[in-house]
Protein backbone atom coordinates (compact mmCIF):
# COMPACT_ATOMS: atom_id res chain seq x y z
CA MET A 1 -19.65 -1.00 0.15
CA SER A 2 -20.19 -0.56 3.91
CA ARG A 3 -23.34 0.87 5.47
CA PHE A 4 -21.32 3.98 6.27
CA GLN A 5 -20.20 4.44 2.68
CA ARG A 6 -23.84 4.55 1.54
CA LYS A 7 -24.48 7.53 3.83
CA VAL A 8 -21.84 9.79 2.43
CA LYS A 9 -21.20 11.32 -0.95
CA MET A 10 -18.54 9.59 -3.03
CA ILE A 11 -15.64 11.73 -4.08
CA SER A 12 -13.23 10.91 -6.84
CA ALA A 13 -9.85 9.14 -7.22
CA VAL A 14 -6.41 10.58 -7.78
CA GLY A 15 -4.49 9.82 -10.92
CA LEU A 16 -0.90 8.75 -10.77
CA ILE A 17 1.65 11.47 -11.43
CA THR A 18 4.91 10.47 -13.04
CA VAL A 19 7.24 12.87 -11.21
CA PRO A 20 9.24 12.39 -8.02
CA VAL A 21 7.99 13.99 -4.78
CA MET A 22 11.04 16.25 -4.78
CA LEU A 23 9.60 17.78 -7.98
CA THR A 24 12.65 17.27 -10.13
CA GLY A 25 10.91 16.65 -13.13
CA CYS A 26 -12.92 -18.03 -6.70
CA GLY A 27 -10.76 -20.94 -7.21
CA ILE A 28 -7.42 -21.58 -5.57
CA PHE A 29 -5.82 -21.94 -8.99
CA PRO A 30 -7.74 -19.66 -11.39
CA SER A 31 -7.26 -20.49 -15.05
CA GLN A 32 -5.25 -18.18 -17.31
CA THR A 33 -6.54 -17.60 -20.84
CA SER A 34 -4.06 -15.01 -22.11
CA GLU A 35 -1.24 -16.45 -24.16
CA SER A 36 1.00 -13.68 -22.81
CA ILE A 37 0.86 -15.08 -19.28
CA ASP A 38 3.92 -17.07 -18.32
CA GLN A 39 3.36 -20.75 -17.49
CA PRO A 40 3.90 -21.65 -13.82
CA PRO A 41 7.41 -22.93 -13.04
CA SER A 42 7.72 -26.70 -12.98
CA ILE A 43 8.09 -26.76 -9.20
CA ILE A 44 4.72 -25.05 -8.77
CA GLU A 45 3.08 -27.11 -11.50
CA SER A 46 4.32 -30.30 -9.83
CA ALA A 47 3.07 -29.16 -6.43
CA MET A 48 -0.31 -28.30 -7.92
CA MET A 49 -0.63 -31.78 -9.40
CA LYS A 50 0.32 -33.42 -6.10
CA ALA A 51 -2.17 -31.25 -4.21
CA ALA A 52 -4.90 -32.20 -6.68
CA GLU A 53 -4.04 -35.87 -6.14
CA GLY A 54 -4.24 -35.44 -2.38
CA GLU A 55 -0.54 -35.87 -1.80
CA GLY A 56 0.00 -32.63 0.05
CA ARG A 57 -0.32 -28.85 0.04
CA ILE A 58 1.68 -26.37 -1.98
CA PRO A 59 4.40 -24.86 0.27
CA GLN A 60 3.61 -21.22 1.08
CA THR A 61 5.78 -18.25 1.98
CA ALA A 62 5.16 -16.32 5.17
CA GLN A 63 2.50 -13.63 4.95
CA ALA A 64 3.66 -10.84 2.63
CA THR A 65 2.28 -7.41 1.79
CA ILE A 66 2.86 -6.50 -1.84
CA TYR A 67 1.82 -3.34 -3.67
CA LEU A 68 -0.25 -4.14 -6.75
CA LYS A 69 -2.07 -2.00 -9.32
CA ASP A 70 -5.85 -2.03 -8.89
CA GLN A 71 -8.61 -1.62 -11.46
CA ASN A 72 -8.35 2.19 -11.19
CA GLY A 73 -4.60 2.20 -11.85
CA LEU A 74 -3.67 2.96 -8.23
CA LEU A 75 -1.28 1.00 -6.04
CA ALA A 76 -2.75 -0.80 -3.06
CA PRO A 77 -1.18 -3.09 -0.45
CA VAL A 78 -2.42 -6.68 -0.67
CA SER A 79 -1.50 -9.12 2.12
CA MET A 80 -1.23 -12.77 1.17
CA SER A 81 0.88 -15.90 1.31
CA LEU A 82 2.55 -16.93 -1.95
CA PRO A 83 3.48 -20.40 -3.23
CA THR A 84 7.14 -21.16 -2.67
CA LEU A 85 8.92 -20.82 -6.01
CA GLY A 86 12.20 -22.67 -6.29
CA ASP A 87 14.89 -21.34 -3.99
CA LEU A 88 13.72 -17.72 -3.99
CA THR A 89 14.05 -15.88 -0.70
CA PHE A 90 11.05 -14.20 0.91
CA ALA A 91 11.97 -10.77 -0.52
CA GLU A 92 12.64 -12.26 -3.96
CA SER A 93 9.22 -13.91 -3.89
CA GLU A 94 7.58 -10.58 -3.01
CA LEU A 95 9.18 -8.86 -5.98
CA SER A 96 8.48 -11.78 -8.32
CA ALA A 97 4.79 -11.31 -7.52
CA LEU A 98 5.04 -7.79 -8.99
CA VAL A 99 5.96 -9.08 -12.46
CA THR A 100 3.23 -8.60 -15.06
CA GLY A 101 2.14 -11.98 -16.36
CA GLY A 102 4.68 -13.67 -14.11
CA ALA A 103 4.55 -17.00 -12.31
CA TYR A 104 2.49 -15.54 -9.46
CA SER A 105 -0.09 -13.72 -11.61
CA GLY A 106 -2.66 -16.48 -11.18
CA TYR A 107 -2.49 -16.13 -7.40
CA LEU A 108 -3.39 -12.43 -7.28
CA PRO A 109 -6.92 -11.25 -6.40
CA GLU A 110 -9.21 -10.31 -9.27
CA GLY A 111 -8.68 -6.72 -10.39
CA PHE A 112 -5.04 -6.55 -9.22
CA THR A 113 -1.89 -6.87 -11.32
CA GLY A 114 1.85 -6.44 -10.96
CA VAL A 115 3.66 -3.42 -12.42
CA LEU A 116 7.08 -4.80 -13.40
CA PRO A 117 7.56 -5.46 -17.14
CA GLN A 118 6.74 -8.93 -18.38
CA GLY A 119 9.81 -11.15 -18.42
CA THR A 120 11.49 -9.34 -15.53
CA GLU A 121 13.53 -11.70 -13.38
CA VAL A 122 14.59 -11.03 -9.80
CA LYS A 123 18.23 -12.12 -9.93
CA ASP A 124 19.09 -11.23 -6.34
CA VAL A 125 17.92 -9.33 -3.27
CA SER A 126 20.63 -8.67 -0.67
CA ILE A 127 19.61 -7.04 2.61
CA ASP A 128 22.15 -5.11 4.68
CA THR A 129 20.44 -5.32 8.07
CA ASP A 130 22.88 -2.90 9.71
CA ASN A 131 21.97 -0.13 7.28
CA LYS A 132 18.44 -1.46 6.58
CA LEU A 133 19.23 -1.36 2.84
CA ALA A 134 17.90 -3.78 0.22
CA VAL A 135 20.02 -4.10 -2.93
CA VAL A 136 17.93 -5.52 -5.77
CA GLU A 137 19.24 -6.86 -9.08
CA PHE A 138 16.98 -7.48 -12.09
CA ASN A 139 17.62 -8.75 -15.60
CA SER A 140 17.46 -6.36 -18.57
CA LYS A 141 13.71 -6.93 -19.09
CA PHE A 142 13.22 -4.62 -16.12
CA THR A 143 14.08 -1.68 -18.41
CA GLU A 144 11.30 -2.40 -20.94
CA TYR A 145 8.45 -0.20 -19.73
CA LYS A 146 6.64 2.96 -20.83
CA PRO A 147 7.83 6.35 -19.49
CA GLU A 148 4.55 6.97 -17.70
CA GLU A 149 4.97 3.69 -15.77
CA GLU A 150 8.32 4.60 -14.24
CA ARG A 151 7.21 6.25 -11.05
CA GLN A 152 4.64 3.58 -10.23
CA ILE A 153 7.29 0.88 -10.67
CA LEU A 154 9.54 2.67 -8.17
CA GLU A 155 6.70 3.13 -5.71
CA ALA A 156 5.63 -0.53 -5.86
CA LEU A 157 9.19 -1.79 -5.39
CA THR A 158 9.97 0.59 -2.55
CA TRP A 159 6.77 0.21 -0.57
CA THR A 160 6.77 -3.58 -0.94
CA LEU A 161 10.34 -4.03 0.30
CA THR A 162 10.18 -1.40 3.05
CA GLY A 163 7.22 -3.24 4.53
CA ASN A 164 9.85 -5.61 5.91
CA PRO A 165 11.23 -4.49 9.31
CA ASP A 166 14.84 -4.94 8.15
CA VAL A 167 14.45 -2.60 5.16
CA GLN A 168 14.12 1.19 5.09
CA SER A 169 15.72 1.97 1.73
CA VAL A 170 16.20 0.30 -1.65
CA GLN A 171 18.95 0.35 -4.29
CA LEU A 172 18.43 -0.95 -7.84
CA TRP A 173 20.81 -2.84 -10.14
CA VAL A 174 20.38 -4.35 -13.61
CA ASP A 175 22.64 -7.15 -14.86
CA GLY A 176 25.47 -6.35 -12.47
CA LYS A 177 25.37 -2.55 -12.85
CA LYS A 178 24.00 -0.08 -10.31
CA LEU A 179 21.35 2.27 -11.69
CA ASN A 180 22.08 5.96 -11.08
CA GLU A 181 18.89 6.88 -12.87
CA MET A 182 15.92 4.99 -14.22
CA PRO A 183 16.52 3.83 -17.80
CA VAL A 184 13.44 5.25 -19.53
CA ASN A 185 12.28 8.49 -17.93
CA GLY A 186 15.51 9.29 -16.08
CA THR A 187 14.27 9.48 -12.49
CA PRO A 188 17.44 10.08 -10.39
CA LEU A 189 18.57 7.16 -8.23
CA ALA A 190 21.72 8.69 -6.72
CA GLN A 191 20.05 8.37 -3.32
CA SER A 192 18.49 5.11 -2.16
CA LEU A 193 14.72 4.92 -2.47
CA THR A 194 12.58 5.32 0.66
CA ARG A 195 8.91 5.73 1.45
CA GLY A 196 9.59 9.44 1.54
CA MET A 197 8.94 9.39 -2.21
CA GLY A 198 5.24 8.87 -1.47
CA ILE A 199 2.70 6.70 -3.27
CA ASN A 200 -0.19 7.45 -5.62
CA LEU A 201 1.00 11.04 -5.61
CA ASP A 202 -1.72 13.72 -5.64
CA LEU A 203 -0.18 17.15 -6.27
CA GLY A 204 -3.40 19.02 -5.49
CA SER A 205 -4.00 22.69 -6.19
CA THR A 206 -1.85 24.24 -3.44
CA LEU A 207 1.51 23.03 -4.69
CA SER A 208 4.53 25.16 -3.81
CA THR A 209 8.28 24.66 -3.82
CA ASN A 210 8.33 23.96 -0.08
CA SER A 211 5.33 21.64 0.06
CA SER A 212 5.45 18.73 2.49
CA PRO A 213 4.16 15.20 1.74
CA VAL A 214 1.59 13.42 3.90
CA THR A 215 0.05 10.00 3.24
CA VAL A 216 -3.61 9.24 3.95
CA TYR A 217 -5.80 6.15 3.48
CA PHE A 218 -9.06 6.01 1.52
CA THR A 219 -10.98 2.90 0.43
CA ASP A 220 -12.20 1.20 -2.72
CA LEU A 221 -14.09 -1.96 -3.69
CA SER A 222 -12.58 -4.90 -5.55
CA PRO A 223 -14.50 -6.42 -8.49
CA ASP A 224 -15.70 -9.07 -6.00
CA GLY A 225 -17.04 -6.39 -3.66
CA VAL A 226 -14.28 -6.59 -1.05
CA GLN A 227 -13.41 -3.27 0.53
CA TYR A 228 -9.72 -2.40 0.69
CA TYR A 229 -7.50 0.53 1.69
CA VAL A 230 -5.54 2.69 -0.76
CA PRO A 231 -2.73 5.04 0.38
CA VAL A 232 -2.50 8.45 -1.29
CA THR A 233 0.32 10.95 -0.82
CA ARG A 234 -0.58 14.63 -0.95
CA LEU A 235 1.65 17.68 -0.93
CA VAL A 236 0.52 20.26 1.64
CA GLU A 237 1.77 23.50 3.07
CA PRO A 238 4.47 22.87 5.70
CA SER A 239 3.14 22.76 9.25
CA ASN A 240 4.47 22.27 12.74
CA ASP A 241 1.75 19.64 13.22
CA ARG A 242 2.23 17.02 10.52
CA LEU A 243 -0.37 14.67 12.00
CA LYS A 244 -3.05 17.35 12.07
CA SER A 245 -2.27 18.25 8.44
CA ALA A 246 -2.57 14.61 7.40
CA LEU A 247 -5.86 14.07 9.22
CA ASN A 248 -7.34 17.23 7.69
CA GLU A 249 -6.47 15.80 4.26
CA LEU A 250 -8.19 12.56 5.24
CA ILE A 251 -11.31 14.53 6.15
CA LYS A 252 -11.26 16.31 2.76
CA GLY A 253 -11.65 12.94 1.05
CA PRO A 254 -10.39 11.80 -2.37
CA ASP A 255 -10.17 14.16 -5.32
CA SER A 256 -11.46 12.21 -8.32
CA ASP A 257 -13.36 9.11 -9.44
CA GLY A 258 -12.71 5.69 -7.94
CA LEU A 259 -11.85 6.11 -4.26
CA GLU A 260 -14.35 6.42 -1.43
CA MET A 261 -14.27 8.83 1.48
CA VAL A 262 -13.92 7.27 4.92
CA LEU A 263 -15.01 10.27 7.03
CA THR A 264 -18.13 12.33 6.49
CA ALA A 265 -18.20 15.89 5.22
CA GLY A 266 -19.36 16.87 8.71
CA THR A 267 -16.39 15.39 10.55
CA LEU A 268 -14.41 17.89 12.61
CA LEU A 269 -10.93 17.36 14.02
CA ASP A 270 -10.90 18.72 17.58
CA SER A 271 -7.33 17.90 18.50
CA VAL A 272 -4.33 15.65 18.00
CA VAL A 273 -2.29 15.15 21.16
CA THR A 274 0.87 13.08 21.58
CA GLY A 275 1.33 11.81 25.13
CA GLU A 276 4.57 11.36 27.01
CA ASP A 277 4.61 7.67 26.11
CA GLY A 278 4.20 8.50 22.40
CA THR A 279 0.53 7.49 22.19
CA VAL A 280 -1.41 9.79 19.84
CA THR A 281 -4.97 10.70 20.84
CA VAL A 282 -7.21 11.89 18.00
CA ALA A 283 -10.42 13.69 19.05
CA LEU A 284 -13.17 13.75 16.40
CA GLN A 285 -16.65 15.26 16.31
CA ASP A 286 -19.38 14.04 13.97
CA ASP A 287 -23.13 14.51 14.57
CA ILE A 288 -23.99 11.51 12.40
CA PHE A 289 -22.92 9.18 15.23
CA GLU A 290 -25.13 9.04 18.31
CA GLU A 291 -23.76 8.25 21.76
CA GLY A 292 -22.77 4.61 21.97
CA ALA A 293 -23.02 4.08 18.21
CA VAL A 294 -20.82 1.44 16.60
CA ILE A 295 -18.38 3.20 14.25
CA PRO A 296 -17.44 1.82 10.80
CA THR A 297 -14.12 0.02 10.95
CA GLU A 298 -12.87 1.69 7.76
CA LEU A 299 -13.23 5.13 9.38
CA LEU A 300 -11.29 4.15 12.47
CA GLN A 301 -8.61 2.11 10.72
CA SER A 302 -7.99 4.88 8.17
CA VAL A 303 -7.34 7.29 11.06
CA VAL A 304 -4.98 4.81 12.75
CA MET A 305 -3.04 4.07 9.55
CA THR A 306 -2.82 7.75 8.60
CA VAL A 307 -1.41 8.63 12.02
CA ALA A 308 1.05 5.72 11.93
CA ASP A 309 2.36 6.58 8.46
CA ASN A 310 2.94 10.23 9.32
CA SER A 311 4.27 9.89 12.86
CA GLY A 312 7.69 8.61 11.89
CA ASN A 313 7.04 5.35 13.74
CA PRO A 314 4.82 2.68 12.10
CA GLU A 315 4.23 1.14 15.53
CA THR A 316 2.77 4.34 17.00
CA LYS A 317 -0.16 3.66 19.32
CA VAL A 318 -3.34 5.58 18.54
CA LYS A 319 -6.45 6.34 20.60
CA ILE A 320 -9.62 7.86 19.12
CA THR A 321 -12.43 9.72 20.85
CA MET A 322 -15.71 10.47 19.05
CA ASN A 323 -18.01 13.26 20.23
CA ASP A 324 -16.12 13.33 23.55
CA GLN A 325 -16.90 9.64 24.13
CA LYS A 326 -13.82 7.74 25.29
CA THR A 327 -15.22 4.32 24.41
CA VAL A 328 -15.28 4.04 20.62
CA MET A 329 -16.35 0.60 19.43
CA GLY A 330 -15.72 -0.35 15.82
CA GLU A 331 -17.70 -2.79 13.72
CA ASP A 332 -14.75 -5.15 14.24
CA GLU A 333 -15.62 -5.18 17.98
CA GLN A 334 -12.38 -3.40 18.89
CA ASN A 335 -12.38 -0.45 21.28
CA TYR A 336 -10.45 2.33 19.56
CA GLY A 337 -10.71 4.43 22.71
CA GLU A 338 -7.85 2.24 23.96
CA PRO A 339 -4.39 2.36 22.30
CA VAL A 340 -4.23 0.39 19.04
CA THR A 341 -1.54 0.11 16.39
CA LYS A 342 -1.61 -0.11 12.61
CA PRO A 343 -2.47 -3.68 11.56
CA GLU A 344 0.54 -5.75 10.57
CA TYR A 345 -1.36 -6.94 7.49
CA ILE A 346 -4.09 -5.07 5.62
CA ASN A 347 -6.21 -5.88 2.59
CA GLU A 348 -6.28 -9.67 2.90
CA ILE A 349 -8.32 -10.04 -0.29
CA PRO A 350 -9.39 -13.58 -1.31
CA ILE A 351 -8.38 -14.79 -4.77
């Protein structure tokens, strides 16, 4: 927990809701003791043995960000490189890491697990770069999950794949047949899946038929004490200023046990201004920070990521002023008074 987190009251974590947003209804190779965990494929096992004998390193994929379930049952992005498994493509490796008890389970940080049913195989991922569509085919084990797990499975798949610049939407197939609805709880799949569905959905108490989704970032601690960011989608009253609505939700903090607030109860949002070049300037006031004070990184990064995710452009540049001070230094020694963008990789949690 950061020094800042000790100063503010903890608020609670949201539970996952199993309805669509549209309201239609530390070792490198940790040992596995559960008999239900799949054994590593022979190619990985062989590479592990060679590495142990000093003959080389296990081939790794490029850095990937995959959405895993944490110890509180929420999805969180985790950025990591994965061992190369056979002839899987990068996207196929990402999805294989989401399989419960799968070949990659021993490479995930403590407290994090995949959400796809055990035995699920990623048969193919085809990416139509012109339409930014990923078509994913699984084997029939993909259909063997509990009804209450359906929405989280869709969220993890969608947010993992759409983290790739060539993908904005996802279509699902099982054993050669396109899914028009999910097989257990019947979530409609007539339209391709996008991040517009939200993640870790928090319906709140002001729900109405014309509510609008915004996504904000809170934090949590891993079992090893590593702080990480958790996105939460809330439904709010429609507004002409989506960014201001999102930042006000960030200031409110989480709703139930587990997550930690990143701004103090005394934080005020003065203004949110988008410049001609698209840079968004967020002006905050908070008496807890004296002039020239170093600001907790988690506060500043949560503001940046919240703005980026609700601006319509993940590469939006963000500037932050605090108490009218234009130089805002974070604990990471970055000046957030100058334009910054959302980090390419977040939550690089050691295994």
